[in-house]
C-alpha cells in the first residue's frame, strides 16, 4: 500500500470481523458516528489500520435502518 501514489483512490472490501463501535470521538478523521455495538480488540485493530493508512471506515458514515 505504501507504493500506491498519494492521489490514487484505493478501496478495500473485506470481512474484518471486528466491531469498531458507536461514536467517533478521537477517531473523527477515519470514522463516522454510525458504528454499531461496543469496540472490541479486532475493531480497534481495524481503526488503528485505518488511521495508519489514512483511510476511512466507510460503513460508519451511514446511519443504519433498524430492523422491525
N, C-alpha and C. Protein backbone atom coordinates (compact mmCIF):
# COMPACT_ATOMS: atom_id res chain seq x y z
N UNK A 1 0.82 -1.19 0.00
CA UNK A 1 0.00 0.00 0.00
C UNK A 1 0.86 1.25 0.00
N UNK A 2 2.06 1.15 0.50
CA UNK A 2 2.93 2.32 0.53
C UNK A 2 3.33 2.75 -0.88
N UNK A 3 3.29 1.82 -1.84
CA UNK A 3 3.72 2.15 -3.20
C UNK A 3 2.61 2.78 -4.05
N UNK A 4 1.40 2.86 -3.53
CA UNK A 4 0.30 3.46 -4.28
C UNK A 4 0.45 4.98 -4.23
N UNK A 5 0.42 5.64 -5.39
CA UNK A 5 0.57 7.10 -5.41
C UNK A 5 -0.48 7.79 -4.54
N UNK A 6 -0.10 8.86 -3.90
CA UNK A 6 -0.94 9.56 -2.93
C UNK A 6 -2.28 10.01 -3.51
N UNK A 7 -2.33 10.39 -4.76
CA UNK A 7 -3.57 10.87 -5.36
C UNK A 7 -4.53 9.78 -5.80
N UNK A 8 -4.11 8.54 -5.77
CA UNK A 8 -4.95 7.42 -6.19
C UNK A 8 -5.98 7.08 -5.13
N UNK A 9 -7.11 6.55 -5.57
CA UNK A 9 -8.14 6.08 -4.63
C UNK A 9 -8.01 4.56 -4.53
N UNK A 10 -8.06 4.09 -3.31
CA UNK A 10 -7.97 2.66 -3.05
C UNK A 10 -9.17 2.24 -2.23
N UNK A 11 -9.84 1.19 -2.67
CA UNK A 11 -10.98 0.66 -1.93
C UNK A 11 -10.63 -0.75 -1.51
N UNK A 12 -10.77 -1.02 -0.21
CA UNK A 12 -10.53 -2.37 0.30
C UNK A 12 -11.86 -2.89 0.80
N UNK A 13 -12.30 -3.99 0.24
CA UNK A 13 -13.53 -4.63 0.70
C UNK A 13 -13.16 -5.94 1.36
N UNK A 14 -13.55 -6.09 2.60
CA UNK A 14 -13.18 -7.31 3.32
C UNK A 14 -14.09 -7.50 4.52
N UNK A 15 -14.19 -8.72 4.95
CA UNK A 15 -14.86 -9.02 6.21
C UNK A 15 -13.78 -9.03 7.27
N UNK A 16 -13.72 -8.00 8.10
CA UNK A 16 -12.62 -7.84 9.04
C UNK A 16 -12.96 -8.33 10.44
N UNK A 17 -14.16 -8.84 10.66
CA UNK A 17 -14.57 -9.48 11.91
C UNK A 17 -14.20 -8.69 13.16
N UNK A 18 -14.53 -7.42 13.13
CA UNK A 18 -14.31 -6.59 14.31
C UNK A 18 -15.45 -5.60 14.45
N UNK A 19 -15.70 -5.18 15.67
CA UNK A 19 -16.71 -4.16 15.93
C UNK A 19 -15.97 -2.86 16.27
N UNK A 20 -16.12 -1.85 15.40
CA UNK A 20 -15.44 -0.58 15.64
C UNK A 20 -16.19 0.28 16.64
N UNK A 21 -17.43 -0.07 16.93
CA UNK A 21 -18.18 0.61 17.97
C UNK A 21 -18.91 1.86 17.52
N UNK A 22 -19.79 2.33 18.41
CA UNK A 22 -20.54 3.56 18.17
C UNK A 22 -19.67 4.77 18.47
N UNK A 23 -20.01 5.88 17.84
CA UNK A 23 -19.29 7.13 18.11
C UNK A 23 -17.94 7.16 17.44
N UNK A 24 -17.36 8.35 17.44
CA UNK A 24 -16.08 8.50 16.77
C UNK A 24 -15.15 9.48 17.50
N UNK A 25 -15.39 9.73 18.76
CA UNK A 25 -14.58 10.69 19.50
C UNK A 25 -13.12 10.23 19.50
N UNK A 26 -12.27 11.10 18.99
CA UNK A 26 -10.85 10.78 18.86
C UNK A 26 -10.50 10.09 17.56
N UNK A 27 -11.50 9.64 16.84
CA UNK A 27 -11.26 8.93 15.57
C UNK A 27 -12.01 9.57 14.41
N UNK A 28 -12.36 10.85 14.56
CA UNK A 28 -13.18 11.54 13.56
C UNK A 28 -12.56 11.53 12.17
N UNK A 29 -11.25 11.45 12.09
CA UNK A 29 -10.59 11.50 10.78
C UNK A 29 -10.77 10.21 9.99
N UNK A 30 -11.17 9.10 10.64
CA UNK A 30 -11.35 7.84 9.92
C UNK A 30 -12.73 7.22 10.11
N UNK A 31 -13.53 7.74 11.05
CA UNK A 31 -14.82 7.12 11.36
C UNK A 31 -15.96 8.12 11.36
N UNK A 32 -17.12 7.63 10.93
CA UNK A 32 -18.35 8.39 11.09
C UNK A 32 -18.94 8.09 12.47
N UNK A 33 -20.16 8.56 12.71
CA UNK A 33 -20.79 8.40 14.02
C UNK A 33 -21.69 7.17 14.11
N UNK A 34 -21.78 6.37 13.06
CA UNK A 34 -22.82 5.37 12.99
C UNK A 34 -22.34 3.92 13.05
N UNK A 35 -21.30 3.65 13.81
CA UNK A 35 -20.91 2.26 14.04
C UNK A 35 -21.92 1.59 14.96
N UNK A 36 -21.78 0.30 15.14
CA UNK A 36 -22.70 -0.45 15.99
C UNK A 36 -21.93 -1.14 17.11
N UNK A 37 -22.58 -1.36 18.21
CA UNK A 37 -22.06 -2.12 19.35
C UNK A 37 -20.85 -1.43 19.98
N UNK A 38 -20.21 -2.14 20.87
CA UNK A 38 -19.00 -1.65 21.52
C UNK A 38 -17.79 -2.07 20.71
N UNK A 39 -16.72 -1.31 20.81
CA UNK A 39 -15.49 -1.65 20.11
C UNK A 39 -14.83 -2.84 20.81
N UNK A 40 -14.40 -3.82 20.01
CA UNK A 40 -13.66 -4.93 20.57
C UNK A 40 -12.21 -4.86 20.08
N UNK A 41 -11.39 -5.81 20.49
CA UNK A 41 -9.96 -5.78 20.15
C UNK A 41 -9.75 -5.80 18.64
N UNK A 42 -10.52 -6.61 17.94
CA UNK A 42 -10.39 -6.68 16.48
C UNK A 42 -10.81 -5.36 15.84
N UNK A 43 -11.86 -4.75 16.38
CA UNK A 43 -12.31 -3.45 15.88
C UNK A 43 -11.26 -2.37 16.10
N UNK A 44 -10.58 -2.42 17.23
CA UNK A 44 -9.50 -1.46 17.49
C UNK A 44 -8.39 -1.63 16.46
N UNK A 45 -8.10 -2.88 16.08
CA UNK A 45 -7.07 -3.11 15.06
C UNK A 45 -7.51 -2.52 13.72
N UNK A 46 -8.80 -2.63 13.39
CA UNK A 46 -9.32 -2.04 12.15
C UNK A 46 -9.14 -0.52 12.18
N UNK A 47 -9.51 0.11 13.29
CA UNK A 47 -9.39 1.56 13.42
C UNK A 47 -7.92 1.98 13.38
N UNK A 48 -7.05 1.26 14.05
CA UNK A 48 -5.62 1.58 14.03
C UNK A 48 -5.06 1.49 12.62
N UNK A 49 -5.45 0.45 11.88
CA UNK A 49 -5.01 0.30 10.49
C UNK A 49 -5.52 1.46 9.65
N UNK A 50 -6.79 1.81 9.81
CA UNK A 50 -7.37 2.92 9.05
C UNK A 50 -6.62 4.22 9.33
N UNK A 51 -6.27 4.45 10.57
CA UNK A 51 -5.52 5.67 10.92
C UNK A 51 -4.14 5.67 10.26
N UNK A 52 -3.45 4.53 10.35
CA UNK A 52 -2.10 4.45 9.76
C UNK A 52 -2.13 4.71 8.27
N UNK A 53 -3.15 4.19 7.60
CA UNK A 53 -3.24 4.29 6.15
C UNK A 53 -4.03 5.52 5.69
N UNK A 54 -4.56 6.30 6.66
CA UNK A 54 -5.37 7.48 6.36
C UNK A 54 -6.55 7.10 5.46
N UNK A 55 -7.25 6.02 5.85
CA UNK A 55 -8.39 5.51 5.11
C UNK A 55 -9.62 5.51 6.02
N UNK A 56 -10.79 5.88 5.51
CA UNK A 56 -11.99 5.87 6.36
C UNK A 56 -12.58 4.47 6.52
N UNK A 57 -13.23 4.25 7.64
CA UNK A 57 -14.06 3.06 7.85
C UNK A 57 -15.44 3.46 7.33
N UNK A 58 -15.67 3.22 6.06
CA UNK A 58 -16.77 3.84 5.33
C UNK A 58 -18.15 3.51 5.89
N UNK A 59 -18.41 2.28 6.31
CA UNK A 59 -19.77 1.95 6.73
C UNK A 59 -20.18 2.69 8.00
N UNK A 60 -19.26 3.34 8.69
CA UNK A 60 -19.62 4.10 9.89
C UNK A 60 -20.14 5.50 9.56
N UNK A 61 -20.10 5.89 8.29
CA UNK A 61 -20.57 7.21 7.89
C UNK A 61 -22.05 7.21 7.49
N UNK A 62 -22.68 6.04 7.47
CA UNK A 62 -24.07 5.91 7.04
C UNK A 62 -24.91 5.35 8.18
N UNK A 63 -26.03 6.00 8.45
CA UNK A 63 -26.92 5.53 9.51
C UNK A 63 -27.66 4.28 9.05
N UNK A 64 -27.69 3.28 9.92
CA UNK A 64 -28.35 2.02 9.60
C UNK A 64 -29.84 2.11 9.90
N UNK A 65 -30.63 1.39 9.13
CA UNK A 65 -32.06 1.30 9.38
C UNK A 65 -32.26 0.19 10.41
N UNK A 66 -33.00 0.49 11.47
CA UNK A 66 -33.24 -0.53 12.49
C UNK A 66 -34.21 -1.57 11.96
N UNK A 67 -33.97 -2.83 12.29
CA UNK A 67 -34.85 -3.93 11.86
C UNK A 67 -36.16 -3.86 12.61
N UNK A 68 -37.19 -4.34 11.98
CA UNK A 68 -38.51 -4.34 12.63
C UNK A 68 -38.84 -5.72 13.13
